[in-house]
Amino acid sequence: MIYPSIDKLLNVVNSKYELVHIAARRSKEITATNHLQLPANKYVSKKNIGRALEEIAEGTIKVKYNNE
């Protein structure tokens, strides 16, 4: 994975395991609804999992924790 970098993603999410979980859920949501947070030409990746990671890196996907 080249873009977005894992370092940038881990600044948004606490752990890489949680990152995988969030990205997988968002990827399945994109597949089911075909709804994207950004315009289609803004994505570098063609696959939904890459698009989900890009949305997390851009901050369009907010991560809520139970203690917040």
N, C-alpha and C. Protein backbone atom coordinates (compact mmCIF):
# COMPACT_ATOMS: atom_id res chain seq x y z
N MET A 1 0.85 -1.17 0.00
CA MET A 1 0.00 0.00 0.00
C MET A 1 0.90 1.23 0.00
N ILE A 2 0.75 2.06 -1.00
CA ILE A 2 1.56 3.25 -1.13
C ILE A 2 0.82 4.49 -0.65
N TYR A 3 -0.45 4.61 -1.05
CA TYR A 3 -1.22 5.79 -0.68
C TYR A 3 -2.55 5.36 -0.11
N PRO A 4 -2.98 5.89 0.95
CA PRO A 4 -2.30 6.78 1.90
C PRO A 4 -1.32 5.99 2.77
N SER A 5 -0.36 6.69 3.30
CA SER A 5 0.67 6.00 4.08
C SER A 5 0.10 5.52 5.41
N ILE A 6 0.64 4.43 5.89
CA ILE A 6 0.19 3.85 7.16
C ILE A 6 0.43 4.82 8.31
N ASP A 7 1.49 5.61 8.23
CA ASP A 7 1.78 6.58 9.29
C ASP A 7 0.68 7.64 9.38
N LYS A 8 0.22 8.11 8.24
CA LYS A 8 -0.85 9.11 8.23
C LYS A 8 -2.15 8.51 8.77
N LEU A 9 -2.44 7.28 8.41
CA LEU A 9 -3.65 6.61 8.87
C LEU A 9 -3.62 6.34 10.37
N LEU A 10 -2.45 6.00 10.90
CA LEU A 10 -2.35 5.71 12.33
C LEU A 10 -2.41 6.98 13.18
N ASN A 11 -2.30 8.15 12.56
CA ASN A 11 -2.54 9.39 13.29
C ASN A 11 -4.04 9.61 13.53
N VAL A 12 -4.86 8.99 12.70
CA VAL A 12 -6.31 9.12 12.81
C VAL A 12 -6.89 8.02 13.69
N VAL A 13 -6.37 6.81 13.54
CA VAL A 13 -6.88 5.63 14.24
C VAL A 13 -5.81 5.14 15.21
N ASN A 14 -6.24 4.63 16.35
CA ASN A 14 -5.29 4.24 17.39
C ASN A 14 -4.44 3.02 17.06
N SER A 15 -5.00 2.03 16.39
CA SER A 15 -4.23 0.82 16.12
C SER A 15 -4.48 0.33 14.71
N LYS A 16 -3.55 -0.45 14.20
CA LYS A 16 -3.69 -0.96 12.84
C LYS A 16 -4.83 -1.98 12.75
N TYR A 17 -5.13 -2.67 13.84
CA TYR A 17 -6.23 -3.63 13.84
C TYR A 17 -7.57 -2.91 13.72
N GLU A 18 -7.69 -1.82 14.43
CA GLU A 18 -8.90 -1.01 14.35
C GLU A 18 -9.02 -0.38 12.96
N LEU A 19 -7.92 0.02 12.39
CA LEU A 19 -7.91 0.58 11.04
C LEU A 19 -8.45 -0.43 10.03
N VAL A 20 -8.02 -1.67 10.14
CA VAL A 20 -8.50 -2.72 9.23
C VAL A 20 -9.99 -2.92 9.40
N HIS A 21 -10.46 -2.93 10.63
CA HIS A 21 -11.89 -3.11 10.90
C HIS A 21 -12.72 -1.98 10.30
N ILE A 22 -12.31 -0.75 10.53
CA ILE A 22 -13.04 0.42 10.02
C ILE A 22 -13.02 0.45 8.50
N ALA A 23 -11.87 0.20 7.91
CA ALA A 23 -11.76 0.23 6.45
C ALA A 23 -12.60 -0.88 5.81
N ALA A 24 -12.62 -2.05 6.41
CA ALA A 24 -13.41 -3.15 5.87
C ALA A 24 -14.90 -2.83 5.93
N ARG A 25 -15.36 -2.27 7.04
CA ARG A 25 -16.77 -1.91 7.17
C ARG A 25 -17.15 -0.84 6.16
N ARG A 26 -16.30 0.16 5.99
CA ARG A 26 -16.60 1.23 5.04
C ARG A 26 -16.57 0.71 3.61
N SER A 27 -15.65 -0.19 3.31
CA SER A 27 -15.57 -0.77 1.97
C SER A 27 -16.83 -1.55 1.64
N LYS A 28 -17.34 -2.31 2.59
CA LYS A 28 -18.58 -3.05 2.39
C LYS A 28 -19.75 -2.10 2.21
N GLU A 29 -19.73 -0.99 2.94
CA GLU A 29 -20.79 0.02 2.81
C GLU A 29 -20.76 0.66 1.43
N ILE A 30 -19.56 0.96 0.92
CA ILE A 30 -19.43 1.53 -0.42
C ILE A 30 -19.97 0.55 -1.46
N THR A 31 -19.65 -0.73 -1.29
CA THR A 31 -20.11 -1.75 -2.22
C THR A 31 -21.64 -1.86 -2.21
N ALA A 32 -22.22 -1.80 -1.02
CA ALA A 32 -23.67 -1.97 -0.89
C ALA A 32 -24.45 -0.76 -1.40
N THR A 33 -23.95 0.45 -1.10
CA THR A 33 -24.72 1.65 -1.41
C THR A 33 -24.19 2.42 -2.61
N ASN A 34 -22.95 2.17 -2.99
CA ASN A 34 -22.29 2.90 -4.07
C ASN A 34 -22.22 4.40 -3.78
N HIS A 35 -22.17 4.76 -2.50
CA HIS A 35 -22.08 6.16 -2.08
C HIS A 35 -20.65 6.47 -1.65
N LEU A 36 -20.05 7.49 -2.25
CA LEU A 36 -18.69 7.91 -1.93
C LEU A 36 -18.72 9.25 -1.22
N GLN A 37 -17.80 9.47 -0.30
CA GLN A 37 -17.72 10.72 0.44
C GLN A 37 -17.07 11.83 -0.37
N LEU A 38 -16.19 11.48 -1.28
CA LEU A 38 -15.48 12.44 -2.11
C LEU A 38 -15.93 12.27 -3.56
N PRO A 39 -15.70 13.26 -4.42
CA PRO A 39 -15.98 13.06 -5.84
C PRO A 39 -15.13 11.92 -6.40
N ALA A 40 -15.67 11.16 -7.31
CA ALA A 40 -15.00 9.96 -7.83
C ALA A 40 -13.63 10.26 -8.43
N ASN A 41 -13.44 11.44 -9.01
CA ASN A 41 -12.15 11.76 -9.63
C ASN A 41 -11.08 12.15 -8.61
N LYS A 42 -11.44 12.31 -7.34
CA LYS A 42 -10.48 12.66 -6.29
C LYS A 42 -9.74 11.44 -5.74
N TYR A 43 -10.26 10.25 -5.98
CA TYR A 43 -9.66 9.04 -5.43
C TYR A 43 -8.48 8.58 -6.28
N VAL A 44 -7.44 8.14 -5.63
CA VAL A 44 -6.28 7.56 -6.30
C VAL A 44 -6.57 6.09 -6.60
N SER A 45 -7.18 5.41 -5.65
CA SER A 45 -7.46 3.99 -5.77
C SER A 45 -8.74 3.73 -6.55
N LYS A 46 -8.76 2.63 -7.26
CA LYS A 46 -9.94 2.21 -8.00
C LYS A 46 -10.80 1.24 -7.18
N LYS A 47 -10.19 0.59 -6.17
CA LYS A 47 -10.89 -0.41 -5.37
C LYS A 47 -11.50 0.25 -4.14
N ASN A 48 -12.59 -0.35 -3.67
CA ASN A 48 -13.32 0.22 -2.55
C ASN A 48 -12.52 0.24 -1.25
N ILE A 49 -11.68 -0.76 -1.02
CA ILE A 49 -10.89 -0.78 0.21
C ILE A 49 -9.89 0.37 0.21
N GLY A 50 -9.29 0.65 -0.92
CA GLY A 50 -8.38 1.79 -1.03
C GLY A 50 -9.11 3.11 -0.88
N ARG A 51 -10.30 3.19 -1.44
CA ARG A 51 -11.11 4.40 -1.31
C ARG A 51 -11.51 4.62 0.15
N ALA A 52 -11.82 3.55 0.86
CA ALA A 52 -12.16 3.67 2.28
C ALA A 52 -10.97 4.19 3.08
N LEU A 53 -9.78 3.70 2.77
CA LEU A 53 -8.58 4.18 3.45
C LEU A 53 -8.31 5.65 3.12
N GLU A 54 -8.56 6.04 1.89
CA GLU A 54 -8.38 7.45 1.52
C GLU A 54 -9.37 8.34 2.26
N GLU A 55 -10.60 7.87 2.44
CA GLU A 55 -11.59 8.64 3.18
C GLU A 55 -11.17 8.80 4.64
N ILE A 56 -10.61 7.76 5.22
CA ILE A 56 -10.14 7.84 6.60
C ILE A 56 -8.99 8.85 6.69
N ALA A 57 -8.06 8.80 5.74
CA ALA A 57 -6.91 9.72 5.76
C ALA A 57 -7.35 11.16 5.56
N GLU A 58 -8.37 11.39 4.73
CA GLU A 58 -8.86 12.75 4.46
C GLU A 58 -9.68 13.31 5.63
N GLY A 59 -10.12 12.44 6.51
CA GLY A 59 -10.91 12.89 7.65
C GLY A 59 -12.40 12.93 7.39
N THR A 60 -12.85 12.38 6.27
CA THR A 60 -14.30 12.35 6.01
C THR A 60 -14.98 11.25 6.80
N ILE A 61 -14.21 10.28 7.27
CA ILE A 61 -14.73 9.24 8.16
C ILE A 61 -14.22 9.57 9.56
N LYS A 62 -15.14 9.85 10.46
CA LYS A 62 -14.79 10.19 11.84
C LYS A 62 -14.83 8.92 12.68
N VAL A 63 -13.79 8.73 13.49
CA VAL A 63 -13.72 7.57 14.36
C VAL A 63 -14.17 8.01 15.74
N LYS A 64 -15.23 7.38 16.24
CA LYS A 64 -15.75 7.69 17.57
C LYS A 64 -15.36 6.55 18.52
N TYR A 65 -14.90 6.93 19.67
CA TYR A 65 -14.55 5.96 20.70
C TYR A 65 -15.59 6.01 21.80
N ASN A 66 -15.73 4.93 22.55
CA ASN A 66 -16.74 4.86 23.60
C ASN A 66 -16.54 5.89 24.69
N ASN A 67 -15.32 6.27 24.97
CA ASN A 67 -15.06 7.21 26.05
C ASN A 67 -15.15 8.66 25.60
N GLU A 68 -15.52 8.92 24.36
CA GLU A 68 -15.64 10.31 23.86
C GLU A 68 -17.08 10.75 23.88
